Structure formats: structure tokens, C-alpha cells
Amino acid sequence: MTAPKKTRHAAQEPGVRTKLFIADETIGLGKINLLASLDEAGSISAAARQMGMSYRRAWFLLDSMQSGFRNPLFCNRARWVEQGWG
């Protein structure tokens, strides 16, 4: 008997999952959690570390989300203040 094939991602439990479809992009719980981590951590690199992913992966996910929105979903705190948003 051979060992089961290992996959990159762990198998998920069956259940209901919600995804938002915005423009050509899909936004699920993982991307929403990344945005929440970004808000909490204050930087992409810190949010990526909290979630156990690379900076490059986090940046890619954030960039792909942004494509569906006209206004920025996030920006650095200095720009936030500079624009008078905070």
C-alpha cells in the first residue's frame, strides 16, 4: 500500500463557504483575514508573517483584491494622514 499523496494545502472540512465576486476577482475568508491582519499589524510584511505566508504572496493577494475597487482598500498610514482620511 502506498502513502496518500500529499497536497500543498491541507484538506478542509466540508461546510458552507462564502465568497464575494467583485469584478473578475473572488474574495473569500482568507483575503478578508489578510485585510484584517494588515489593519492590525500595520504593514504587509507583518501581516504576512502573522498569517504564515510570504510577503510576495500577501502582496499578490492584496493587489488582486484591489483590482475590483476604484478606491484604495489599504494604504500606508503616512499616506492616510496626508490625504486627510484619518
C-alpha atoms as a PDB file:
ATOM      1  CA  MET A   1       0.000   0.000   0.000  1.00  0.00           C
ATOM      2  CA  THR A   2       1.337   3.453  -0.869  1.00  0.00           C
ATOM      3  CA  ALA A   3       1.084   6.551   1.267  1.00  0.00           C
ATOM      4  CA  PRO A   4      -1.607   9.045   0.300  1.00  0.00           C
ATOM      5  CA  LYS A   5      -0.433  11.823  -1.987  1.00  0.00           C
ATOM      6  CA  LYS A   6       0.493  14.948  -0.083  1.00  0.00           C
ATOM      7  CA  THR A   7      -1.070  18.133  -1.323  1.00  0.00           C
ATOM      8  CA  ARG A   8       0.132  21.665  -0.863  1.00  0.00           C
ATOM      9  CA  HIS A   9      -2.947  22.662   1.129  1.00  0.00           C
ATOM     10  CA  ALA A  10      -4.472  20.712   3.970  1.00  0.00           C
ATOM     11  CA  ALA A  11      -7.872  19.190   3.276  1.00  0.00           C
ATOM     12  CA  GLN A  12     -10.703  21.353   4.501  1.00  0.00           C
ATOM     13  CA  GLU A  13     -13.682  20.169   6.441  1.00  0.00           C
ATOM     14  CA  PRO A  14     -16.928  20.031   4.475  1.00  0.00           C
ATOM     15  CA  GLY A  15     -19.151  23.021   5.052  1.00  0.00           C
ATOM     16  CA  VAL A  16     -20.526  26.241   3.663  1.00  0.00           C
ATOM     17  CA  ARG A  17     -18.083  28.868   2.454  1.00  0.00           C
ATOM     18  CA  THR A  18     -18.912  32.377   1.333  1.00  0.00           C
ATOM     19  CA  LYS A  19     -17.100  34.182  -1.463  1.00  0.00           C
ATOM     20  CA  LEU A  20     -17.704  37.639  -2.847  1.00  0.00           C
ATOM     21  CA  PHE A  21     -17.411  38.138  -6.584  1.00  0.00           C
ATOM     22  CA  ILE A  22     -16.222  41.667  -7.375  1.00  0.00           C
ATOM     23  CA  ALA A  23     -15.320  42.478 -10.972  1.00  0.00           C
ATOM     24  CA  ASP A  24     -13.247  39.471 -12.078  1.00  0.00           C
ATOM     25  CA  GLU A  25     -11.952  38.759  -8.580  1.00  0.00           C
ATOM     26  CA  THR A  26     -13.112  36.349  -5.873  1.00  0.00           C
ATOM     27  CA  ILE A  27     -12.774  37.422  -2.254  1.00  0.00           C
ATOM     28  CA  GLY A  28     -13.115  34.759   0.408  1.00  0.00           C
ATOM     29  CA  LEU A  29     -12.390  34.443   4.093  1.00  0.00           C
ATOM     30  CA  GLY A  30      -8.611  34.169   3.588  1.00  0.00           C
ATOM     31  CA  LYS A  31      -8.352  37.526   1.811  1.00  0.00           C
ATOM     32  CA  ILE A  32     -10.665  39.139   4.348  1.00  0.00           C
ATOM     33  CA  ASN A  33      -8.465  37.779   7.150  1.00  0.00           C
ATOM     34  CA  LEU A  34      -5.414  39.175   5.352  1.00  0.00           C
ATOM     35  CA  LEU A  35      -7.014  42.646   5.263  1.00  0.00           C
ATOM     36  CA  ALA A  36      -7.815  42.353   8.992  1.00  0.00           C
ATOM     37  CA  SER A  37      -4.222  41.288   9.734  1.00  0.00           C
ATOM     38  CA  LEU A  38      -2.931  44.189   7.651  1.00  0.00           C
ATOM     39  CA  ASP A  39      -5.064  46.606   9.672  1.00  0.00           C
ATOM     40  CA  GLU A  40      -3.856  45.099  12.949  1.00  0.00           C
ATOM     41  CA  ALA A  41      -0.178  44.715  12.022  1.00  0.00           C
ATOM     42  CA  GLY A  42       0.185  47.946  10.057  1.00  0.00           C
ATOM     43  CA  SER A  43       2.360  46.506   7.282  1.00  0.00           C
ATOM     44  CA  ILE A  44       2.150  43.881   4.581  1.00  0.00           C
ATOM     45  CA  SER A  45       5.250  42.068   5.821  1.00  0.00           C
ATOM     46  CA  ALA A  46       3.964  41.882   9.421  1.00  0.00           C
ATOM     47  CA  ALA A  47       0.508  40.741   8.254  1.00  0.00           C
ATOM     48  CA  ALA A  48       2.114  38.076   6.051  1.00  0.00           C
ATOM     49  CA  ARG A  49       4.200  36.813   8.982  1.00  0.00           C
ATOM     50  CA  GLN A  50       1.094  36.654  11.208  1.00  0.00           C
ATOM     51  CA  MET A  51      -0.669  34.547   8.593  1.00  0.00           C
ATOM     52  CA  GLY A  52       2.330  32.338   7.815  1.00  0.00           C
ATOM     53  CA  MET A  53       2.746  33.404   4.188  1.00  0.00           C
ATOM     54  CA  SER A  54       5.422  35.149   2.196  1.00  0.00           C
ATOM     55  CA  TYR A  55       5.397  38.896   1.623  1.00  0.00           C
ATOM     56  CA  ARG A  56       5.153  38.228  -2.113  1.00  0.00           C
ATOM     57  CA  ARG A  57       2.036  36.069  -1.692  1.00  0.00           C
ATOM     58  CA  ALA A  58       0.366  38.621   0.592  1.00  0.00           C
ATOM     59  CA  TRP A  59       1.174  41.452  -1.812  1.00  0.00           C
ATOM     60  CA  PHE A  60      -0.212  39.430  -4.744  1.00  0.00           C
ATOM     61  CA  LEU A  61      -3.465  38.706  -2.890  1.00  0.00           C
ATOM     62  CA  LEU A  62      -3.897  42.348  -1.844  1.00  0.00           C
ATOM     63  CA  ASP A  63      -3.108  43.577  -5.347  1.00  0.00           C
ATOM     64  CA  SER A  64      -5.603  41.159  -6.885  1.00  0.00           C
ATOM     65  CA  MET A  65      -8.313  42.346  -4.479  1.00  0.00           C
ATOM     66  CA  GLN A  66      -7.617  45.978  -5.263  1.00  0.00           C
ATOM     67  CA  SER A  67      -8.338  45.407  -8.957  1.00  0.00           C
ATOM     68  CA  GLY A  68     -12.062  45.216  -8.217  1.00  0.00           C
ATOM     69  CA  PHE A  69     -12.304  48.558  -6.417  1.00  0.00           C
ATOM     70  CA  ARG A  70     -11.944  52.181  -7.512  1.00  0.00           C
ATOM     71  CA  ASN A  71     -10.806  53.497  -4.100  1.00  0.00           C
ATOM     72  CA  PRO A  72      -7.824  52.017  -2.264  1.00  0.00           C
ATOM     73  CA  LEU A  73      -8.571  49.160   0.103  1.00  0.00           C
ATOM     74  CA  PHE A  74      -5.427  49.988   2.049  1.00  0.00           C
ATOM     75  CA  CYS A  75      -2.503  52.401   2.083  1.00  0.00           C
ATOM     76  CA  ASN A  76       0.337  53.198   4.421  1.00  0.00           C
ATOM     77  CA  ARG A  77      -0.538  55.250   7.496  1.00  0.00           C
ATOM     78  CA  ALA A  78       1.503  58.276   6.395  1.00  0.00           C
ATOM     79  CA  ARG A  79      -0.465  58.493   3.136  1.00  0.00           C
ATOM     80  CA  TRP A  80      -3.711  58.023   5.063  1.00  0.00           C
ATOM     81  CA  VAL A  81      -2.960  61.098   7.174  1.00  0.00           C
ATOM     82  CA  GLU A  82      -1.544  63.018   4.191  1.00  0.00           C
ATOM     83  CA  GLN A  83      -4.810  62.515   2.293  1.00  0.00           C
ATOM     84  CA  GLY A  84      -6.827  63.721   5.302  1.00  0.00           C
ATOM     85  CA  TRP A  85      -8.559  60.371   5.806  1.00  0.00           C
ATOM     86  CA  GLY A  86      -7.552  59.955   9.429  1.00  0.00           C
END
